[in-house]
Amino acid sequence: MIFNNHSTLVGDACYCPSLLSGKGSTLAMVGAYILAGELKQAGGDYQEAFKQYEIVFKPFMEKKQKAARFFAKSFIPKSNFGIWLRNQAFKLMSVSVFSKLFLSQFKDSDLKLKEY
């Protein structure tokens, strides 16, 4: 989006959550929702809207990016033991209890969206 020679990036161009996050499209839609809402609340003052958008969304995205970096280390291990450990973890994913535990790590309950 371009506003009087200012621009903002949304989606993967902005957040770069990594393919390993599995959240690219979701985060793009949530980011667009927040940006549109902040533009509405700011009455068209895009500089204020951009500032509020960053205050709301940046801490959440930094957490997602950090989690993706951590997951990448386990997904692409550097040692034989790490490869073995990763493979065992993937085998455990076929067990319901472990798969539910793993998937619970991807819930996004820490971002509360405003109703604009």
PDB file of N, CA and C in Angstrom:
ATOM      1  N   MET A   1       0.843  -1.168   0.000  1.00  0.00           N
ATOM      2  CA  MET A   1       0.000   0.000   0.000  1.00  0.00           C
ATOM      3  C   MET A   1       0.891   1.234   0.000  1.00  0.00           C
ATOM      4  N   ILE A   2       0.517   2.233  -0.746  1.00  0.00           N
ATOM      5  CA  ILE A   2       1.298   3.469  -0.792  1.00  0.00           C
ATOM      6  C   ILE A   2       0.395   4.636  -0.422  1.00  0.00           C
ATOM      7  N   PHE A   3       0.852   5.453   0.526  1.00  0.00           N
ATOM      8  CA  PHE A   3       0.138   6.632   0.975  1.00  0.00           C
ATOM      9  C   PHE A   3       1.096   7.807   0.900  1.00  0.00           C
ATOM     10  N   ASN A   4       0.887   8.725  -0.043  1.00  0.00           N
ATOM     11  CA  ASN A   4       1.720   9.925  -0.148  1.00  0.00           C
ATOM     12  C   ASN A   4       3.205   9.615   0.017  1.00  0.00           C
ATOM     13  N   ASN A   5       3.711   8.744  -0.821  1.00  0.00           N
ATOM     14  CA  ASN A   5       5.117   8.355  -0.827  1.00  0.00           C
ATOM     15  C   ASN A   5       5.551   7.571   0.401  1.00  0.00           C
ATOM     16  N   HIS A   6       4.621   7.105   1.217  1.00  0.00           N
ATOM     17  CA  HIS A   6       4.924   6.198   2.321  1.00  0.00           C
ATOM     18  C   HIS A   6       4.371   4.832   1.918  1.00  0.00           C
ATOM     19  N   SER A   7       5.000   3.818   2.352  1.00  0.00           N
ATOM     20  CA  SER A   7       4.489   2.490   2.020  1.00  0.00           C
ATOM     21  C   SER A   7       4.516   1.595   3.240  1.00  0.00           C
ATOM     22  N   THR A   8       3.691   0.586   3.190  1.00  0.00           N
ATOM     23  CA  THR A   8       3.686  -0.436   4.227  1.00  0.00           C
ATOM     24  C   THR A   8       3.590  -1.784   3.543  1.00  0.00           C
ATOM     25  N   LEU A   9       4.230  -2.753   4.132  1.00  0.00           N
ATOM     26  CA  LEU A   9       4.189  -4.102   3.605  1.00  0.00           C
ATOM     27  C   LEU A   9       3.281  -4.939   4.481  1.00  0.00           C
ATOM     28  N   VAL A  10       2.539  -5.841   3.868  1.00  0.00           N
ATOM     29  CA  VAL A  10       1.702  -6.767   4.620  1.00  0.00           C
ATOM     30  C   VAL A  10       1.999  -8.178   4.119  1.00  0.00           C
ATOM     31  N   GLY A  11       1.536  -9.154   4.851  1.00  0.00           N
ATOM     32  CA  GLY A  11       1.727 -10.545   4.457  1.00  0.00           C
ATOM     33  C   GLY A  11       3.171 -10.978   4.580  1.00  0.00           C
ATOM     34  N   ASP A  12       3.551 -11.951   3.757  1.00  0.00           N
ATOM     35  CA  ASP A  12       4.896 -12.513   3.832  1.00  0.00           C
ATOM     36  C   ASP A  12       5.977 -11.473   3.578  1.00  0.00           C
ATOM     37  N   ALA A  13       5.680 -10.479   2.757  1.00  0.00           N
ATOM     38  CA  ALA A  13       6.666  -9.437   2.474  1.00  0.00           C
ATOM     39  C   ALA A  13       7.043  -8.675   3.731  1.00  0.00           C
ATOM     40  N   CYS A  14       6.139  -8.610   4.662  1.00  0.00           N
ATOM     41  CA  CYS A  14       6.383  -7.869   5.898  1.00  0.00           C
ATOM     42  C   CYS A  14       6.848  -8.778   7.030  1.00  0.00           C
ATOM     43  N   TYR A  15       6.140  -9.850   7.255  1.00  0.00           N
ATOM     44  CA  TYR A  15       6.341 -10.625   8.476  1.00  0.00           C
ATOM     45  C   TYR A  15       7.391 -11.716   8.360  1.00  0.00           C
ATOM     46  N   CYS A  16       7.552 -12.285   7.173  1.00  0.00           N
ATOM     47  CA  CYS A  16       8.504 -13.384   6.946  1.00  0.00           C
ATOM     48  C   CYS A  16       8.479 -14.405   8.076  1.00  0.00           C
ATOM     49  N   PRO A  17       7.326 -15.016   8.336  1.00  0.00           N
ATOM     50  CA  PRO A  17       7.259 -15.955   9.453  1.00  0.00           C
ATOM     51  C   PRO A  17       7.967 -17.268   9.185  1.00  0.00           C
ATOM     52  N   SER A  18       8.336 -17.559   7.946  1.00  0.00           N
ATOM     53  CA  SER A  18       9.018 -18.777   7.529  1.00  0.00           C
ATOM     54  C   SER A  18       7.995 -19.811   7.110  1.00  0.00           C
ATOM     55  N   LEU A  19       8.364 -20.601   6.135  1.00  0.00           N
ATOM     56  CA  LEU A  19       7.501 -21.703   5.702  1.00  0.00           C
ATOM     57  C   LEU A  19       7.241 -22.666   6.847  1.00  0.00           C
ATOM     58  N   LEU A  20       8.168 -22.731   7.782  1.00  0.00           N
ATOM     59  CA  LEU A  20       8.041 -23.661   8.895  1.00  0.00           C
ATOM     60  C   LEU A  20       6.971 -23.241   9.899  1.00  0.00           C
ATOM     61  N   SER A  21       6.518 -21.999   9.825  1.00  0.00           N
ATOM     62  CA  SER A  21       5.491 -21.558  10.770  1.00  0.00           C
ATOM     63  C   SER A  21       4.119 -22.090  10.392  1.00  0.00           C
ATOM     64  N   GLY A  22       3.905 -22.321   9.111  1.00  0.00           N
ATOM     65  CA  GLY A  22       2.604 -22.789   8.656  1.00  0.00           C
ATOM     66  C   GLY A  22       1.509 -21.764   8.837  1.00  0.00           C
ATOM     67  N   LYS A  23       1.883 -20.502   8.900  1.00  0.00           N
ATOM     68  CA  LYS A  23       0.917 -19.448   9.215  1.00  0.00           C
ATOM     69  C   LYS A  23       0.930 -18.281   8.227  1.00  0.00           C
ATOM     70  N   GLY A  24       1.592 -18.422   7.100  1.00  0.00           N
ATOM     71  CA  GLY A  24       1.745 -17.289   6.186  1.00  0.00           C
ATOM     72  C   GLY A  24       0.443 -16.624   5.793  1.00  0.00           C
ATOM     73  N   SER A  25      -0.515 -17.388   5.279  1.00  0.00           N
ATOM     74  CA  SER A  25      -1.789 -16.818   4.826  1.00  0.00           C
ATOM     75  C   SER A  25      -2.595 -16.272   5.987  1.00  0.00           C
ATOM     76  N   THR A  26      -2.611 -17.001   7.090  1.00  0.00           N
ATOM     77  CA  THR A  26      -3.360 -16.556   8.270  1.00  0.00           C
ATOM     78  C   THR A  26      -2.813 -15.234   8.776  1.00  0.00           C
ATOM     79  N   LEU A  27      -1.497 -15.142   8.896  1.00  0.00           N
ATOM     80  CA  LEU A  27      -0.893 -13.910   9.397  1.00  0.00           C
ATOM     81  C   LEU A  27      -1.097 -12.750   8.431  1.00  0.00           C
ATOM     82  N   ALA A  28      -1.096 -13.030   7.141  1.00  0.00           N
ATOM     83  CA  ALA A  28      -1.348 -11.971   6.162  1.00  0.00           C
ATOM     84  C   ALA A  28      -2.760 -11.410   6.332  1.00  0.00           C
ATOM     85  N   MET A  29      -3.732 -12.304   6.521  1.00  0.00           N
ATOM     86  CA  MET A  29      -5.122 -11.841   6.689  1.00  0.00           C
ATOM     87  C   MET A  29      -5.309 -11.100   8.010  1.00  0.00           C
ATOM     88  N   VAL A  30      -4.714 -11.608   9.074  1.00  0.00           N
ATOM     89  CA  VAL A  30      -4.823 -10.937  10.372  1.00  0.00           C
ATOM     90  C   VAL A  30      -4.145  -9.566  10.310  1.00  0.00           C
ATOM     91  N   GLY A  31      -2.973  -9.506   9.703  1.00  0.00           N
ATOM     92  CA  GLY A  31      -2.276  -8.228   9.563  1.00  0.00           C
ATOM     93  C   GLY A  31      -3.076  -7.227   8.754  1.00  0.00           C
ATOM     94  N   ALA A  32      -3.677  -7.680   7.662  1.00  0.00           N
ATOM     95  CA  ALA A  32      -4.498  -6.790   6.837  1.00  0.00           C
ATOM     96  C   ALA A  32      -5.719  -6.308   7.614  1.00  0.00           C
ATOM     97  N   TYR A  33      -6.318  -7.189   8.404  1.00  0.00           N
ATOM     98  CA  TYR A  33      -7.476  -6.820   9.234  1.00  0.00           C
ATOM     99  C   TYR A  33      -7.090  -5.733  10.234  1.00  0.00           C
ATOM    100  N   ILE A  34      -5.964  -5.937  10.907  1.00  0.00           N
ATOM    101  CA  ILE A  34      -5.519  -4.949  11.903  1.00  0.00           C
ATOM    102  C   ILE A  34      -5.190  -3.626  11.231  1.00  0.00           C
ATOM    103  N   LEU A  35      -4.481  -3.673  10.110  1.00  0.00           N
ATOM    104  CA  LEU A  35      -4.132  -2.431   9.407  1.00  0.00           C
ATOM    105  C   LEU A  35      -5.381  -1.686   8.955  1.00  0.00           C
ATOM    106  N   ALA A  36      -6.329  -2.390   8.371  1.00  0.00           N
ATOM    107  CA  ALA A  36      -7.572  -1.743   7.923  1.00  0.00           C
ATOM    108  C   ALA A  36      -8.319  -1.139   9.108  1.00  0.00           C
ATOM    109  N   GLY A  37      -8.364  -1.869  10.207  1.00  0.00           N
ATOM    110  CA  GLY A  37      -9.038  -1.359  11.400  1.00  0.00           C
ATOM    111  C   GLY A  37      -8.357  -0.125  11.966  1.00  0.00           C
ATOM    112  N   GLU A  38      -7.032  -0.149  11.985  1.00  0.00           N
ATOM    113  CA  GLU A  38      -6.303   1.015  12.506  1.00  0.00           C
ATOM    114  C   GLU A  38      -6.435   2.216  11.573  1.00  0.00           C
ATOM    115  N   LEU A  39      -6.477   1.970  10.270  1.00  0.00           N
ATOM    116  CA  LEU A  39      -6.718   3.079   9.333  1.00  0.00           C
ATOM    117  C   LEU A  39      -8.098   3.686   9.570  1.00  0.00           C
ATOM    118  N   LYS A  40      -9.076   2.846   9.823  1.00  0.00           N
ATOM    119  CA  LYS A  40     -10.428   3.332  10.109  1.00  0.00           C
ATOM    120  C   LYS A  40     -10.442   4.143  11.401  1.00  0.00           C
ATOM    121  N   GLN A  41      -9.830   3.588  12.451  1.00  0.00           N
ATOM    122  CA  GLN A  41      -9.828   4.291  13.748  1.00  0.00           C
ATOM    123  C   GLN A  41      -9.081   5.613  13.694  1.00  0.00           C
ATOM    124  N   ALA A  42      -8.051   5.669  12.855  1.00  0.00           N
ATOM    125  CA  ALA A  42      -7.248   6.894  12.759  1.00  0.00           C
ATOM    126  C   ALA A  42      -7.890   7.916  11.836  1.00  0.00           C
ATOM    127  N   GLY A  43      -9.050   7.598  11.292  1.00  0.00           N
ATOM    128  CA  GLY A  43      -9.758   8.555  10.437  1.00  0.00           C
ATOM    129  C   GLY A  43      -8.970   8.941   9.194  1.00  0.00           C
ATOM    130  N   GLY A  44      -8.185   8.010   8.677  1.00  0.00           N
ATOM    131  CA  GLY A  44      -7.416   8.288   7.470  1.00  0.00           C
ATOM    132  C   GLY A  44      -6.008   8.793   7.735  1.00  0.00           C
ATOM    133  N   ASP A  45      -5.659   9.069   8.970  1.00  0.00           N
ATOM    134  CA  ASP A  45      -4.290   9.488   9.303  1.00  0.00           C
ATOM    135  C   ASP A  45      -3.397   8.250   9.256  1.00  0.00           C
ATOM    136  N   TYR A  46      -2.851   7.995   8.067  1.00  0.00           N
ATOM    137  CA  TYR A  46      -2.112   6.756   7.860  1.00  0.00           C
ATOM    138  C   TYR A  46      -0.861   6.650   8.738  1.00  0.00           C
ATOM    139  N   GLN A  47      -0.232   7.780   9.063  1.00  0.00           N
ATOM    140  CA  GLN A  47       0.962   7.714   9.915  1.00  0.00           C
ATOM    141  C   GLN A  47       0.595   7.208  11.312  1.00  0.00           C
ATOM    142  N   GLU A  48      -0.502   7.700  11.846  1.00  0.00           N
ATOM    143  CA  GLU A  48      -0.979   7.222  13.150  1.00  0.00           C
ATOM    144  C   GLU A  48      -1.416   5.758  13.051  1.00  0.00           C
ATOM    145  N   ALA A  49      -2.105   5.425  11.966  1.00  0.00           N
ATOM    146  CA  ALA A  49      -2.565   4.050  11.775  1.00  0.00           C
ATOM    147  C   ALA A  49      -1.387   3.085  11.684  1.00  0.00           C
ATOM    148  N   PHE A  50      -0.341   3.459  10.943  1.00  0.00           N
ATOM    149  CA  PHE A  50       0.841   2.603  10.825  1.00  0.00           C
ATOM    150  C   PHE A  50       1.501   2.408  12.190  1.00  0.00           C
ATOM    151  N   LYS A  51       1.564   3.481  12.957  1.00  0.00           N
ATOM    152  CA  LYS A  51       2.189   3.402  14.285  1.00  0.00           C
ATOM    153  C   LYS A  51       1.399   2.450  15.188  1.00  0.00           C
ATOM    154  N   GLN A  52       0.086   2.584  15.194  1.00  0.00           N
ATOM    155  CA  GLN A  52      -0.753   1.718  16.023  1.00  0.00           C
ATOM    156  C   GLN A  52      -0.712   0.269  15.554  1.00  0.00           C
ATOM    157  N   TYR A  53      -0.700   0.098  14.242  1.00  0.00           N
ATOM    158  CA  TYR A  53      -0.598  -1.237  13.649  1.00  0.00           C
ATOM    159  C   TYR A  53       0.666  -1.935  14.143  1.00  0.00           C
ATOM    160  N   GLU A  54       1.771  -1.216  14.136  1.00  0.00           N
ATOM    161  CA  GLU A  54       3.041  -1.799  14.585  1.00  0.00           C
ATOM    162  C   GLU A  54       3.015  -2.097  16.081  1.00  0.00           C
ATOM    163  N   ILE A  55       2.411  -1.216  16.859  1.00  0.00           N
ATOM    164  CA  ILE A  55       2.312  -1.444  18.310  1.00  0.00           C
ATOM    165  C   ILE A  55       1.503  -2.707  18.603  1.00  0.00           C
ATOM    166  N   VAL A  56       0.427  -2.903  17.851  1.00  0.00           N
ATOM    167  CA  VAL A  56      -0.451  -4.055  18.082  1.00  0.00           C
ATOM    168  C   VAL A  56       0.178  -5.355  17.572  1.00  0.00           C
ATOM    169  N   PHE A  57       0.719  -5.322  16.364  1.00  0.00           N
ATOM    170  CA  PHE A  57       1.072  -6.566  15.682  1.00  0.00           C
ATOM    171  C   PHE A  57       2.532  -6.984  15.797  1.00  0.00           C
ATOM    172  N   LYS A  58       3.437  -6.019  15.952  1.00  0.00           N
ATOM    173  CA  LYS A  58       4.868  -6.342  15.936  1.00  0.00           C
ATOM    174  C   LYS A  58       5.281  -7.314  17.045  1.00  0.00           C
ATOM    175  N   PRO A  59       4.874  -7.117  18.305  1.00  0.00           N
ATOM    176  CA  PRO A  59       5.294  -8.071  19.345  1.00  0.00           C
ATOM    177  C   PRO A  59       4.816  -9.501  19.060  1.00  0.00           C
ATOM    178  N   PHE A  60       3.615  -9.630  18.549  1.00  0.00           N
ATOM    179  CA  PHE A  60       3.072 -10.938  18.198  1.00  0.00           C
ATOM    180  C   PHE A  60       3.900 -11.572  17.088  1.00  0.00           C
ATOM    181  N   MET A  61       4.225 -10.797  16.055  1.00  0.00           N
ATOM    182  CA  MET A  61       4.998 -11.326  14.932  1.00  0.00           C
ATOM    183  C   MET A  61       6.421 -11.671  15.351  1.00  0.00           C
ATOM    184  N   GLU A  62       7.006 -10.882  16.220  1.00  0.00           N
ATOM    185  CA  GLU A  62       8.358 -11.206  16.688  1.00  0.00           C
ATOM    186  C   GLU A  62       8.360 -12.554  17.409  1.00  0.00           C
ATOM    187  N   LYS A  63       7.312 -12.823  18.175  1.00  0.00           N
ATOM    188  CA  LYS A  63       7.193 -14.108  18.856  1.00  0.00           C
ATOM    189  C   LYS A  63       7.063 -15.244  17.841  1.00  0.00           C
ATOM    190  N   LYS A  64       6.263 -15.045  16.800  1.00  0.00           N
ATOM    191  CA  LYS A  64       6.094 -16.063  15.759  1.00  0.00           C
ATOM    192  C   LYS A  64       7.406 -16.314  15.014  1.00  0.00           C
ATOM    193  N   GLN A  65       8.141 -15.244  14.707  1.00  0.00           N
ATOM    194  CA  GLN A  65       9.405 -15.393  14.003  1.00  0.00           C
ATOM    195  C   GLN A  65      10.429 -16.135  14.874  1.00  0.00           C
ATOM    196  N   LYS A  66      10.446 -15.830  16.154  1.00  0.00           N
ATOM    197  CA  LYS A  66      11.364 -16.514  17.073  1.00  0.00           C
ATOM    198  C   LYS A  66      11.028 -17.999  17.151  1.00  0.00           C
ATOM    199  N   ALA A  67       9.747 -18.327  17.231  1.00  0.00           N
ATOM    200  CA  ALA A  67       9.320 -19.733  17.283  1.00  0.00           C
ATOM    201  C   ALA A  67       9.708 -20.458  16.001  1.00  0.00           C
ATOM    202  N   ALA A  68       9.570 -19.803  14.858  1.00  0.00           N
ATOM    203  CA  ALA A  68       9.934 -20.426  13.583  1.00  0.00           C
ATOM    204  C   ALA A  68      11.436 -20.689  13.526  1.00  0.00           C
ATOM    205  N   ARG A  69      12.254 -19.760  14.036  1.00  0.00           N
ATOM    206  CA  ARG A  69      13.709 -19.979  14.063  1.00  0.00           C
ATOM    207  C   ARG A  69      14.057 -21.160  14.961  1.00  0.00           C
ATOM    208  N   PHE A  70      13.390 -21.264  16.100  1.00  0.00           N
ATOM    209  CA  PHE A  70      13.634 -22.377  17.012  1.00  0.00           C
ATOM    210  C   PHE A  70      13.247 -23.698  16.349  1.00  0.00           C
ATOM    211  N   PHE A  71      12.082 -23.712  15.714  1.00  0.00           N
ATOM    212  CA  PHE A  71      11.604 -24.923  15.055  1.00  0.00           C
ATOM    213  C   PHE A  71      12.531 -25.307  13.909  1.00  0.00           C
ATOM    214  N   ALA A  72      13.061 -24.324  13.183  1.00  0.00           N
ATOM    215  CA  ALA A  72      13.960 -24.605  12.063  1.00  0.00           C
ATOM    216  C   ALA A  72      15.196 -25.362  12.537  1.00  0.00           C
ATOM    217  N   LYS A  73      15.698 -25.019  13.710  1.00  0.00           N
ATOM    218  CA  LYS A  73      16.877 -25.714  14.247  1.00  0.00           C
ATOM    219  C   LYS A  73      16.582 -27.189  14.488  1.00  0.00           C
ATOM    220  N   SER A  74      15.369 -27.502  14.938  1.00  0.00           N
ATOM    221  CA  SER A  74      15.035 -28.898  15.184  1.00  0.00           C
ATOM    222  C   SER A  74      14.641 -29.617  13.895  1.00  0.00           C
ATOM    223  N   PHE A  75      14.155 -28.875  12.928  1.00  0.00           N
ATOM    224  CA  PHE A  75      13.723 -29.463  11.664  1.00  0.00           C
ATOM    225  C   PHE A  75      14.915 -29.834  10.788  1.00  0.00           C
ATOM    226  N   ILE A  76      15.987 -29.047  10.888  1.00  0.00           N
ATOM    227  CA  ILE A  76      17.192 -29.264  10.084  1.00  0.00           C
ATOM    228  C   ILE A  76      18.390 -29.385  11.032  1.00  0.00           C
ATOM    229  N   PRO A  77      18.491 -30.522  11.718  1.00  0.00           N
ATOM    230  CA  PRO A  77      19.581 -30.697  12.686  1.00  0.00           C
ATOM    231  C   PRO A  77      20.946 -30.795  12.008  1.00  0.00           C
ATOM    232  N   LYS A  78      21.987 -30.522  12.790  1.00  0.00           N
ATOM    233  CA  LYS A  78      23.347 -30.503  12.253  1.00  0.00           C
ATOM    234  C   LYS A  78      24.172 -31.723  12.648  1.00  0.00           C
ATOM    235  N   SER A  79      23.608 -32.606  13.435  1.00  0.00           N
ATOM    236  CA  SER A  79      24.373 -33.783  13.858  1.00  0.00           C
ATOM    237  C   SER A  79      23.564 -35.052  13.605  1.00  0.00           C
ATOM    238  N   ASN A  80      24.259 -36.185  13.600  1.00  0.00           N
ATOM    239  CA  ASN A  80      23.572 -37.471  13.427  1.00  0.00           C
ATOM    240  C   ASN A  80      22.585 -37.713  14.565  1.00  0.00           C
ATOM    241  N   PHE A  81      22.988 -37.369  15.779  1.00  0.00           N
ATOM    242  CA  PHE A  81      22.078 -37.532  16.911  1.00  0.00           C
ATOM    243  C   PHE A  81      20.844 -36.644  16.735  1.00  0.00           C
ATOM    244  N   GLY A  82      21.044 -35.420  16.282  1.00  0.00           N
ATOM    245  CA  GLY A  82      19.930 -34.515  16.043  1.00  0.00           C
ATOM    246  C   GLY A  82      18.972 -35.050  14.997  1.00  0.00           C
ATOM    247  N   ILE A  83      19.532 -35.651  13.939  1.00  0.00           N
ATOM    248  CA  ILE A  83      18.693 -36.251  12.893  1.00  0.00           C
ATOM    249  C   ILE A  83      17.889 -37.411  13.476  1.00  0.00           C
ATOM    250  N   TRP A  84      18.541 -38.258  14.260  1.00  0.00           N
ATOM    251  CA  TRP A  84      17.850 -39.381  14.890  1.00  0.00           C
ATOM    252  C   TRP A  84      16.729 -38.875  15.802  1.00  0.00           C
ATOM    253  N   LEU A  85      17.039 -37.867  16.610  1.00  0.00           N
ATOM    254  CA  LEU A  85      16.059 -37.319  17.542  1.00  0.00           C
ATOM    255  C   LEU A  85      14.864 -36.740  16.800  1.00  0.00           C
ATOM    256  N   ARG A  86      15.132 -35.983  15.731  1.00  0.00           N
ATOM    257  CA  ARG A  86      14.056 -35.412  14.916  1.00  0.00           C
ATOM    258  C   ARG A  86      13.174 -36.517  14.341  1.00  0.00           C
ATOM    259  N   ASN A  87      13.794 -37.569  13.825  1.00  0.00           N
ATOM    260  CA  ASN A  87      13.034 -38.670  13.226  1.00  0.00           C
ATOM    261  C   ASN A  87      12.165 -39.370  14.267  1.00  0.00           C
ATOM    262  N   GLN A  88      12.676 -39.517  15.480  1.00  0.00           N
ATOM    263  CA  GLN A  88      11.874 -40.134  16.545  1.00  0.00           C
ATOM    264  C   GLN A  88      10.688 -39.247  16.903  1.00  0.00           C
ATOM    265  N   ALA A  89      10.934 -37.947  16.949  1.00  0.00           N
ATOM    266  CA  ALA A  89       9.851 -37.001  17.254  1.00  0.00           C
ATOM    267  C   ALA A  89       8.755 -37.071  16.188  1.00  0.00           C
ATOM    268  N   PHE A  90       9.147 -37.163  14.917  1.00  0.00           N
ATOM    269  CA  PHE A  90       8.163 -37.266  13.846  1.00  0.00           C
ATOM    270  C   PHE A  90       7.372 -38.566  13.947  1.00  0.00           C
ATOM    271  N   LYS A  91       8.021 -39.640  14.360  1.00  0.00           N
ATOM    272  CA  LYS A  91       7.309 -40.906  14.545  1.00  0.00           C
ATOM    273  C   LYS A  91       6.261 -40.777  15.650  1.00  0.00           C
ATOM    274  N   LEU A  92       6.597 -40.017  16.694  1.00  0.00           N
ATOM    275  CA  LEU A  92       5.654 -39.818  17.793  1.00  0.00           C
ATOM    276  C   LEU A  92       4.417 -39.035  17.359  1.00  0.00           C
ATOM    277  N   MET A  93       4.531 -38.269  16.281  1.00  0.00           N
ATOM    278  CA  MET A  93       3.400 -37.464  15.800  1.00  0.00           C
ATOM    279  C   MET A  93       2.222 -38.336  15.383  1.00  0.00           C
ATOM    280  N   SER A  94       2.483 -39.624  15.106  1.00  0.00           N
ATOM    281  CA  SER A  94       1.377 -40.513  14.730  1.00  0.00           C
ATOM    282  C   SER A  94       0.586 -40.982  15.948  1.00  0.00           C
ATOM    283  N   VAL A  95       1.084 -40.679  17.148  1.00  0.00           N
ATOM    284  CA  VAL A  95       0.382 -41.024  18.388  1.00  0.00           C
ATOM    285  C   VAL A  95      -0.465 -39.812  18.788  1.00  0.00           C
ATOM    286  N   SER A  96      -1.746 -40.020  18.939  1.00  0.00           N
ATOM    287  CA  SER A  96      -2.702 -38.933  19.163  1.00  0.00           C
ATOM    288  C   SER A  96      -2.288 -37.965  20.274  1.00  0.00           C
ATOM    289  N   VAL A  97      -1.881 -38.484  21.406  1.00  0.00           N
ATOM    290  CA  VAL A  97      -1.520 -37.630  22.549  1.00  0.00           C
ATOM    291  C   VAL A  97      -0.385 -36.682  22.174  1.00  0.00           C
ATOM    292  N   PHE A  98       0.629 -37.193  21.498  1.00  0.00           N
ATOM    293  CA  PHE A  98       1.775 -36.375  21.123  1.00  0.00           C
ATOM    294  C   PHE A  98       1.441 -35.387  20.023  1.00  0.00           C
ATOM    295  N   SER A  99       0.614 -35.805  19.067  1.00  0.00           N
ATOM    296  CA  SER A  99       0.251 -34.885  17.992  1.00  0.00           C
ATOM    297  C   SER A  99      -0.577 -33.720  18.533  1.00  0.00           C
ATOM    298  N   LYS A 100      -1.468 -33.992  19.494  1.00  0.00           N
ATOM    299  CA  LYS A 100      -2.259 -32.911  20.102  1.00  0.00           C
ATOM    300  C   LYS A 100      -1.360 -31.954  20.870  1.00  0.00           C
ATOM    301  N   LEU A 101      -0.384 -32.492  21.584  1.00  0.00           N
ATOM    302  CA  LEU A 101       0.560 -31.655  22.316  1.00  0.00           C
ATOM    303  C   LEU A 101       1.357 -30.783  21.359  1.00  0.00           C
ATOM    304  N   PHE A 102       1.823 -31.374  20.268  1.00  0.00           N
ATOM    305  CA  PHE A 102       2.590 -30.630  19.274  1.00  0.00           C
ATOM    306  C   PHE A 102       1.742 -29.532  18.638  1.00  0.00           C
ATOM    307  N   LEU A 103       0.538 -29.866  18.224  1.00  0.00           N
ATOM    308  CA  LEU A 103      -0.326 -28.891  17.564  1.00  0.00           C
ATOM    309  C   LEU A 103      -0.766 -27.771  18.500  1.00  0.00           C
ATOM    310  N   SER A 104      -0.826 -28.054  19.794  1.00  0.00           N
ATOM    311  CA  SER A 104      -1.223 -27.007  20.744  1.00  0.00           C
ATOM    312  C   SER A 104      -0.207 -25.869  20.785  1.00  0.00           C
ATOM    313  N   GLN A 105       1.010 -26.138  20.352  1.00  0.00           N
ATOM    314  CA  GLN A 105       2.045 -25.110  20.328  1.00  0.00           C
ATOM    315  C   GLN A 105       1.770 -24.038  19.274  1.00  0.00           C
ATOM    316  N   PHE A 106       0.866 -24.325  18.340  1.00  0.00           N
ATOM    317  CA  PHE A 106       0.598 -23.404  17.247  1.00  0.00           C
ATOM    318  C   PHE A 106      -0.659 -22.555  17.461  1.00  0.00           C
ATOM    319  N   LYS A 107      -1.278 -22.680  18.613  1.00  0.00           N
ATOM    320  CA  LYS A 107      -2.470 -21.873  18.886  1.00  0.00           C
ATOM    321  C   LYS A 107      -2.051 -20.417  19.103  1.00  0.00           C
ATOM    322  N   ASP A 108      -2.897 -19.511  18.659  1.00  0.00           N
ATOM    323  CA  ASP A 108      -2.584 -18.082  18.725  1.00  0.00           C
ATOM    324  C   ASP A 108      -3.505 -17.356  19.695  1.00  0.00           C
ATOM    325  N   SER A 109      -3.610 -17.852  20.898  1.00  0.00           N
ATOM    326  CA  SER A 109      -4.532 -17.250  21.853  1.00  0.00           C
ATOM    327  C   SER A 109      -3.973 -15.979  22.493  1.00  0.00           C
ATOM    328  N   ASP A 110      -2.710 -15.654  22.227  1.00  0.00           N
ATOM    329  CA  ASP A 110      -2.126 -14.475  22.865  1.00  0.00           C
ATOM    330  C   ASP A 110      -2.346 -13.187  22.070  1.00  0.00           C
ATOM    331  N   LEU A 111      -2.988 -13.238  20.927  1.00  0.00           N
ATOM    332  CA  LEU A 111      -3.331 -12.032  20.179  1.00  0.00           C
ATOM    333  C   LEU A 111      -4.828 -11.857  20.203  1.00  0.00           C
ATOM    334  N   LYS A 112      -5.283 -10.825  20.875  1.00  0.00           N
ATOM    335  CA  LYS A 112      -6.720 -10.522  20.935  1.00  0.00           C
ATOM    336  C   LYS A 112      -7.022  -9.441  19.904  1.00  0.00           C
ATOM    337  N   LEU A 113      -7.867  -9.780  18.938  1.00  0.00           N
ATOM    338  CA  LEU A 113      -8.221  -8.826  17.890  1.00  0.00           C
ATOM    339  C   LEU A 113      -9.316  -7.891  18.351  1.00  0.00           C
ATOM    340  N   LYS A 114      -9.151  -6.633  18.032  1.00  0.00           N
ATOM    341  CA  LYS A 114     -10.191  -5.642  18.315  1.00  0.00           C
ATOM    342  C   LYS A 114     -11.320  -5.794  17.306  1.00  0.00           C
ATOM    343  N   GLU A 115     -12.488  -5.369  17.714  1.00  0.00           N
ATOM    344  CA  GLU A 115     -13.585  -5.259  16.742  1.00  0.00           C
ATOM    345  C   GLU A 115     -13.616  -3.820  16.296  1.00  0.00           C
ATOM    346  N   TYR A 116     -13.220  -3.599  15.066  1.00  0.00           N
ATOM    347  CA  TYR A 116     -13.160  -2.229  14.539  1.00  0.00           C
ATOM    348  C   TYR A 116     -14.520  -1.862  14.063  1.00  0.00           C
TER     349      TYR A 116
END
